[in-house]
Structure formats: C-alpha cells, structure tokens
Amino acid sequence: MIGKVLYKGSAAVLTLTIGTKLGRYEIRSKVGEGGMGEVYLAQDTKLDRTVAVKVLPTDLASDQNRMRRFVQEAHSALARSLSFRFLCS
C-alpha cells in the first residue's frame, strides 16, 4: 500500500506510508507538511544516502506558476547543500 489520498479543499494530497518505495527511494518517516506539500525522509537505495521527498497536492502540481516556484526552491536547496572546496557560486 502506498498511502492514503486525503482531500484538503479541492486538492487531493497523497499521504505516504512508511516503507513505501517510489522508484529507488524508500520512505522512512514523515518530516512535516506545509502549504507546498508533505515532506518525507527517505533512503536512496541506489546511492545509499538519506534524502527528502516532497509530495505536492494536485492543485499545486497543476499550476505552472506554483510549480516554477517549487523548482526554484529545489534548485536553491541543492545549491545550499553543495559544499566542495573548489566550487564557486
């Protein structure tokens, strides 16, 4: 079982169950939720590392402007997480 679909207003939100596998990612726990969706701690089984997985509500995923904001947020988070000695930003 992947999880439950909950409705918040007109938006459907998929709440994942611990142990669910999404491709190479295995859900470990729920970290939190907010206006942009729910965030889960997951294990990348291919690269053996811990990652965060964000599940977006349907109304957000179908809105191009909000999706653009989500992608910008993801790029910013990635840039902040990179810390190589010879990397310039």
Protein backbone atom coordinates (compact mmCIF):
# COMPACT_ATOMS: atom_id res chain seq x y z
CA MET A 1 0.00 0.00 0.00
CA ILE A 2 1.39 3.41 -0.99
CA GLY A 3 -0.69 5.54 1.34
CA LYS A 4 -3.97 7.41 1.62
CA VAL A 5 -5.42 10.13 -0.57
CA LEU A 6 -6.78 12.93 1.59
CA TYR A 7 -8.75 15.91 0.34
CA LYS A 8 -7.94 19.40 1.62
CA GLY A 9 -10.49 21.67 0.00
CA SER A 10 -10.46 20.82 -3.70
CA ALA A 11 -6.90 19.43 -3.67
CA ALA A 12 -6.04 15.77 -3.32
CA VAL A 13 -2.96 15.03 -1.20
CA LEU A 14 -1.25 11.64 -1.16
CA THR A 15 -0.04 10.74 2.33
CA LEU A 16 2.66 8.08 2.08
CA THR A 17 3.03 5.03 4.30
CA ILE A 18 6.38 4.20 5.93
CA GLY A 19 8.19 1.61 3.80
CA THR A 20 6.59 2.75 0.53
CA LYS A 21 9.00 2.57 -2.41
CA LEU A 22 8.91 5.32 -5.02
CA GLY A 23 11.37 4.16 -7.63
CA ARG A 24 14.70 3.92 -5.84
CA TYR A 25 13.51 5.88 -2.79
CA GLU A 26 12.12 4.14 0.29
CA ILE A 27 10.04 6.26 2.67
CA ARG A 28 11.34 6.18 6.26
CA SER A 29 9.30 8.83 8.10
CA LYS A 30 7.21 11.96 7.69
CA VAL A 31 9.18 15.11 8.43
CA GLY A 32 6.45 17.72 8.10
CA GLU A 33 3.87 19.44 5.95
CA GLY A 34 3.04 22.92 4.79
CA GLY A 35 1.50 24.92 2.01
CA MET A 36 3.73 23.34 -0.63
CA GLY A 37 3.03 19.72 0.36
CA GLU A 38 4.29 16.98 2.66
CA VAL A 39 7.97 16.17 3.21
CA TYR A 40 9.29 12.70 3.97
CA LEU A 41 12.67 11.33 4.98
CA ALA A 42 13.64 8.61 2.50
CA GLN A 43 16.55 6.36 1.65
CA ASP A 44 18.02 6.46 -1.86
CA THR A 45 18.62 2.74 -2.27
CA LYS A 46 20.83 3.18 -5.34
CA LEU A 47 23.28 5.72 -3.87
CA ASP A 48 22.80 4.64 -0.22
CA ARG A 49 22.07 8.13 1.10
CA THR A 50 19.31 9.89 3.01
CA VAL A 51 17.14 12.28 1.01
CA ALA A 52 13.99 14.36 1.41
CA VAL A 53 10.97 13.62 -0.78
CA LYS A 54 8.26 16.24 -1.18
CA VAL A 55 4.75 15.23 -2.27
CA LEU A 56 2.76 18.05 -3.86
CA PRO A 57 -1.03 18.49 -3.69
CA THR A 58 -2.82 18.15 -7.03
CA ASP A 59 -3.81 21.82 -7.21
CA LEU A 60 -0.18 22.91 -6.81
CA ALA A 61 1.15 20.34 -9.29
CA SER A 62 -1.28 21.55 -11.97
CA ASP A 63 -0.44 25.28 -11.52
CA GLN A 64 2.53 26.32 -13.70
CA ASN A 65 3.47 29.35 -11.58
CA ARG A 66 3.48 27.37 -8.34
CA MET A 67 5.43 24.54 -9.99
CA ARG A 68 8.01 27.08 -11.18
CA ARG A 69 8.33 28.30 -7.57
CA PHE A 70 8.72 24.72 -6.35
CA VAL A 71 11.50 24.05 -8.88
CA GLN A 72 13.27 27.27 -7.85
CA GLU A 73 13.05 26.17 -4.20
CA ALA A 74 14.56 22.80 -5.11
CA HIS A 75 17.42 24.42 -7.02
CA SER A 76 18.12 26.79 -4.10
CA ALA A 77 18.17 23.90 -1.63
CA LEU A 78 20.57 21.98 -3.86
CA ALA A 79 22.89 24.97 -4.23
CA ARG A 80 22.96 25.46 -0.44
CA SER A 81 23.75 21.79 0.14
CA LEU A 82 26.77 21.71 -2.18
CA SER A 83 29.99 22.43 -0.36
CA PHE A 84 33.02 21.47 -2.37
CA ARG A 85 36.35 23.13 -1.83
CA PHE A 86 36.75 24.16 -5.47
CA LEU A 87 33.13 25.05 -6.20
CA CYS A 88 32.29 28.71 -6.79
CA SER A 89 28.74 30.02 -6.78
